[in-house]
């Protein structure tokens, strides 16, 4: 059974694993998003990143998810929707 991403320890491991790569991609691509936005990007892309078979594939996944989130600007709209959904 897959672990829930709601689990704090799972989230922490995902961030420890993927944040260095996402930060490097941000630097290379000139993205202006905050660390919090990058962390949210990782959480959104987590299932796809688990299936990545190479660094290049992970790079492509991260860029694709970034593009999707960029279309939903400003990024904080997602957080507001999530907060409203939680009540």
C-alpha atoms as a PDB file:
ATOM      1  CA  UNK A   1       0.000   0.000   0.000  1.00  0.00           C
ATOM      2  CA  UNK A   2       1.320   3.446  -0.926  1.00  0.00           C
ATOM      3  CA  UNK A   3       2.029   5.887   1.872  1.00  0.00           C
ATOM      4  CA  UNK A   4      -0.209   8.925   2.113  1.00  0.00           C
ATOM      5  CA  UNK A   5       1.484  12.189   1.261  1.00  0.00           C
ATOM      6  CA  UNK A   6      -0.409  13.704   4.218  1.00  0.00           C
ATOM      7  CA  UNK A   7       2.110  11.977   6.505  1.00  0.00           C
ATOM      8  CA  UNK A   8       4.593  14.604   7.732  1.00  0.00           C
ATOM      9  CA  UNK A   9       7.557  12.195   7.613  1.00  0.00           C
ATOM     10  CA  UNK A  10       6.756  11.262   4.011  1.00  0.00           C
ATOM     11  CA  UNK A  11       6.523  14.939   3.054  1.00  0.00           C
ATOM     12  CA  UNK A  12       9.839  15.636   4.742  1.00  0.00           C
ATOM     13  CA  UNK A  13      11.569  12.795   2.880  1.00  0.00           C
ATOM     14  CA  UNK A  14      10.117  13.984  -0.435  1.00  0.00           C
ATOM     15  CA  UNK A  15      11.404  17.496   0.182  1.00  0.00           C
ATOM     16  CA  UNK A  16      14.824  16.283   1.284  1.00  0.00           C
ATOM     17  CA  UNK A  17      15.089  14.178  -1.839  1.00  0.00           C
ATOM     18  CA  UNK A  18      13.741  16.551  -4.483  1.00  0.00           C
ATOM     19  CA  UNK A  19      14.289  20.116  -3.230  1.00  0.00           C
ATOM     20  CA  UNK A  20      17.978  20.273  -4.239  1.00  0.00           C
ATOM     21  CA  UNK A  21      17.093  19.297  -7.827  1.00  0.00           C
ATOM     22  CA  UNK A  22      14.143  21.697  -7.965  1.00  0.00           C
ATOM     23  CA  UNK A  23      16.301  24.532  -6.605  1.00  0.00           C
ATOM     24  CA  UNK A  24      18.934  23.815  -9.272  1.00  0.00           C
ATOM     25  CA  UNK A  25      16.272  23.815 -11.997  1.00  0.00           C
ATOM     26  CA  UNK A  26      14.923  27.103 -10.604  1.00  0.00           C
ATOM     27  CA  UNK A  27      18.404  28.600 -10.822  1.00  0.00           C
ATOM     28  CA  UNK A  28      18.958  27.319 -14.376  1.00  0.00           C
ATOM     29  CA  UNK A  29      15.531  28.391 -15.615  1.00  0.00           C
ATOM     30  CA  UNK A  30      15.415  31.701 -13.769  1.00  0.00           C
ATOM     31  CA  UNK A  31      12.210  30.881 -11.920  1.00  0.00           C
ATOM     32  CA  UNK A  32      11.237  33.423  -9.262  1.00  0.00           C
ATOM     33  CA  UNK A  33       9.071  31.197  -7.046  1.00  0.00           C
ATOM     34  CA  UNK A  34       9.696  31.055  -3.306  1.00  0.00           C
ATOM     35  CA  UNK A  35      10.935  27.977  -1.477  1.00  0.00           C
ATOM     36  CA  UNK A  36       7.366  27.412  -0.239  1.00  0.00           C
ATOM     37  CA  UNK A  37       6.116  27.411  -3.829  1.00  0.00           C
ATOM     38  CA  UNK A  38       8.848  24.944  -4.796  1.00  0.00           C
ATOM     39  CA  UNK A  39       7.866  22.711  -1.903  1.00  0.00           C
ATOM     40  CA  UNK A  40       4.255  22.778  -3.108  1.00  0.00           C
ATOM     41  CA  UNK A  41       5.472  21.930  -6.611  1.00  0.00           C
ATOM     42  CA  UNK A  42       7.250  18.865  -5.216  1.00  0.00           C
ATOM     43  CA  UNK A  43       4.133  17.733  -3.330  1.00  0.00           C
ATOM     44  CA  UNK A  44       2.033  18.120  -6.474  1.00  0.00           C
ATOM     45  CA  UNK A  45       4.547  16.189  -8.590  1.00  0.00           C
ATOM     46  CA  UNK A  46       5.348  13.540  -5.948  1.00  0.00           C
ATOM     47  CA  UNK A  47       3.484  10.619  -7.544  1.00  0.00           C
ATOM     48  CA  UNK A  48       5.021  11.293 -10.954  1.00  0.00           C
ATOM     49  CA  UNK A  49       8.498  11.782  -9.466  1.00  0.00           C
ATOM     50  CA  UNK A  50       8.277   8.402  -7.751  1.00  0.00           C
ATOM     51  CA  UNK A  51       7.942   6.827 -11.205  1.00  0.00           C
ATOM     52  CA  UNK A  52      10.869   8.763 -12.721  1.00  0.00           C
ATOM     53  CA  UNK A  53      13.502   6.360 -14.062  1.00  0.00           C
ATOM     54  CA  UNK A  54      16.247   8.912 -14.569  1.00  0.00           C
ATOM     55  CA  UNK A  55      17.368  12.373 -13.582  1.00  0.00           C
ATOM     56  CA  UNK A  56      16.352  13.667 -16.992  1.00  0.00           C
ATOM     57  CA  UNK A  57      12.861  12.256 -16.589  1.00  0.00           C
ATOM     58  CA  UNK A  58      12.575  13.872 -13.132  1.00  0.00           C
ATOM     59  CA  UNK A  59      13.750  17.166 -14.658  1.00  0.00           C
ATOM     60  CA  UNK A  60      11.037  16.968 -17.310  1.00  0.00           C
ATOM     61  CA  UNK A  61       8.366  16.119 -14.732  1.00  0.00           C
ATOM     62  CA  UNK A  62       9.341  19.075 -12.555  1.00  0.00           C
ATOM     63  CA  UNK A  63       9.295  21.451 -15.524  1.00  0.00           C
ATOM     64  CA  UNK A  64       5.905  20.141 -16.667  1.00  0.00           C
ATOM     65  CA  UNK A  65       4.368  20.590 -13.210  1.00  0.00           C
ATOM     66  CA  UNK A  66       5.918  24.054 -12.955  1.00  0.00           C
ATOM     67  CA  UNK A  67       4.272  25.001 -16.242  1.00  0.00           C
ATOM     68  CA  UNK A  68       0.899  23.749 -14.994  1.00  0.00           C
ATOM     69  CA  UNK A  69       1.189  25.744 -11.768  1.00  0.00           C
ATOM     70  CA  UNK A  70       2.446  28.808 -13.632  1.00  0.00           C
ATOM     71  CA  UNK A  71      -0.787  28.843 -15.646  1.00  0.00           C
ATOM     72  CA  UNK A  72      -2.720  29.082 -12.375  1.00  0.00           C
ATOM     73  CA  UNK A  73      -1.061  32.337 -11.317  1.00  0.00           C
ATOM     74  CA  UNK A  74      -0.863  33.739  -8.805  1.00  0.00           C
ATOM     75  CA  UNK A  75       0.428  30.618  -7.076  1.00  0.00           C
ATOM     76  CA  UNK A  76      -1.211  31.597  -3.797  1.00  0.00           C
ATOM     77  CA  UNK A  77      -4.672  30.951  -5.304  1.00  0.00           C
ATOM     78  CA  UNK A  78      -4.110  27.210  -4.761  1.00  0.00           C
ATOM     79  CA  UNK A  79      -3.391  27.752  -1.085  1.00  0.00           C
ATOM     80  CA  UNK A  80      -6.534  29.846  -0.683  1.00  0.00           C
ATOM     81  CA  UNK A  81      -8.635  27.179  -2.410  1.00  0.00           C
ATOM     82  CA  UNK A  82      -7.142  24.475  -0.165  1.00  0.00           C
ATOM     83  CA  UNK A  83      -7.814  26.515   2.962  1.00  0.00           C
ATOM     84  CA  UNK A  84     -11.400  27.153   1.909  1.00  0.00           C
ATOM     85  CA  UNK A  85     -11.918  23.460   1.190  1.00  0.00           C
ATOM     86  CA  UNK A  86     -10.666  22.529   4.664  1.00  0.00           C
ATOM     87  CA  UNK A  87     -13.194  24.918   6.145  1.00  0.00           C
END
